[in-house]
């Protein structure tokens, strides 16, 4: 595979993991920070904005998943996919922990 397929695998993991909190909060009817809030990433966005943002992340993650050819069984591709998930998960947990401290 080419380097761009591996990059797609990494970003697929990022987008799919990022979709989870936004989609779950949105369908639960809860407000949650998004890039569209004021201030971005800190203020709270409505449930519908979170649902739509989560769905957009799912679509982008799926497109990148297909572009990365993750279904081929390439160990490096799969590893990069999970590294992407881990990177955004840790970053989001640190970021959203701070929102409760305000």
Protein backbone atom coordinates (compact mmCIF):
# COMPACT_ATOMS: atom_id res chain seq x y z
CA UNK A 1 0.00 0.00 0.00
CA UNK A 2 1.00 3.61 -0.48
CA UNK A 3 1.74 6.04 2.38
CA UNK A 4 -1.56 7.87 1.75
CA UNK A 5 -3.51 4.68 2.51
CA UNK A 6 -1.77 4.45 5.87
CA UNK A 7 -2.50 8.11 6.56
CA UNK A 8 -6.17 7.45 5.74
CA UNK A 9 -6.17 4.57 8.25
CA UNK A 10 -4.85 6.82 11.02
CA UNK A 11 -7.37 9.59 10.33
CA UNK A 12 -10.19 7.09 9.97
CA UNK A 13 -9.55 6.05 13.57
CA UNK A 14 -9.48 9.70 14.66
CA UNK A 15 -12.79 10.58 13.04
CA UNK A 16 -14.62 7.41 14.10
CA UNK A 17 -13.52 7.74 17.74
CA UNK A 18 -14.41 11.45 17.75
CA UNK A 19 -17.90 10.61 16.48
CA UNK A 20 -18.76 8.57 19.57
CA UNK A 21 -19.11 11.27 22.29
CA UNK A 22 -20.82 13.76 19.98
CA UNK A 23 -23.32 11.27 18.57
CA UNK A 24 -24.11 9.73 21.96
CA UNK A 25 -24.58 13.10 23.68
CA UNK A 26 -26.65 14.32 20.75
CA UNK A 27 -29.06 11.39 20.63
CA UNK A 28 -29.38 11.56 24.42
CA UNK A 29 -30.51 15.18 24.08
CA UNK A 30 -27.53 16.59 25.96
CA UNK A 31 -25.47 19.67 25.16
CA UNK A 32 -21.78 19.07 24.58
CA UNK A 33 -18.80 21.08 23.26
CA UNK A 34 -18.20 21.14 19.50
CA UNK A 35 -16.01 23.24 17.22
CA UNK A 36 -19.13 25.32 16.47
CA UNK A 37 -19.74 26.43 20.07
CA UNK A 38 -18.68 29.79 21.45
CA UNK A 39 -15.83 29.54 22.37
CA UNK A 40 -15.05 26.64 20.01
CA UNK A 41 -14.49 23.34 21.78
CA UNK A 42 -15.35 24.83 25.16
CA UNK A 43 -18.88 26.22 24.95
CA UNK A 44 -21.84 23.89 24.64
CA UNK A 45 -23.63 23.09 21.39
CA UNK A 46 -27.18 21.81 21.13
CA UNK A 47 -28.06 18.13 20.88
CA UNK A 48 -28.91 18.43 17.18
CA UNK A 49 -25.55 20.05 16.40
CA UNK A 50 -23.79 17.23 18.26
CA UNK A 51 -25.81 14.57 16.46
CA UNK A 52 -25.04 16.09 13.06
CA UNK A 53 -21.36 16.58 13.96
CA UNK A 54 -21.17 12.96 15.11
CA UNK A 55 -22.80 11.74 11.89
CA UNK A 56 -20.42 13.81 9.77
CA UNK A 57 -17.48 12.31 11.65
CA UNK A 58 -18.88 8.82 10.98
CA UNK A 59 -19.20 9.52 7.26
CA UNK A 60 -15.68 10.96 7.01
CA UNK A 61 -14.26 8.11 9.09
CA UNK A 62 -16.00 5.53 6.88
CA UNK A 63 -14.73 7.15 3.67
CA UNK A 64 -11.20 7.18 5.10
CA UNK A 65 -11.64 3.58 6.29
CA UNK A 66 -12.42 2.56 2.71
CA UNK A 67 -9.60 4.71 1.30
CA UNK A 68 -7.17 3.15 3.76
CA UNK A 69 -8.14 -0.34 2.56
CA UNK A 70 -8.35 -1.57 6.14
CA UNK A 71 -10.28 -4.67 5.13
CA UNK A 72 -7.19 -6.11 3.39
CA UNK A 73 -5.77 -7.35 6.70
CA UNK A 74 -2.59 -5.23 6.54
CA UNK A 75 -1.20 -5.23 10.10
CA UNK A 76 0.41 -1.80 9.77
CA UNK A 77 -2.83 -0.29 8.47
CA UNK A 78 -4.83 -1.80 11.31
CA UNK A 79 -2.22 -0.66 13.85
CA UNK A 80 -2.36 2.91 12.54
CA UNK A 81 -6.16 2.80 12.71
CA UNK A 82 -6.01 1.88 16.40
CA UNK A 83 -3.24 4.43 17.06
CA UNK A 84 -5.58 7.07 15.60
CA UNK A 85 -8.33 5.93 17.96
CA UNK A 86 -5.95 6.01 20.94
CA UNK A 87 -4.53 9.45 20.10
CA UNK A 88 -7.91 11.19 19.80
CA UNK A 89 -9.35 9.30 22.78
CA UNK A 90 -6.57 10.41 25.12
CA UNK A 91 -6.63 13.97 23.74
CA UNK A 92 -10.41 14.24 24.13
CA UNK A 93 -10.36 12.81 27.65
CA UNK A 94 -7.79 15.42 28.69
CA UNK A 95 -9.66 18.24 26.95
CA UNK A 96 -13.10 17.37 28.31
CA UNK A 97 -11.77 16.80 31.83
CA UNK A 98 -10.89 20.49 31.84
CA UNK A 99 -14.49 21.46 30.99
CA UNK A 100 -15.64 20.10 34.34
CA UNK A 101 -13.00 22.11 36.20
CA UNK A 102 -14.44 25.46 35.01
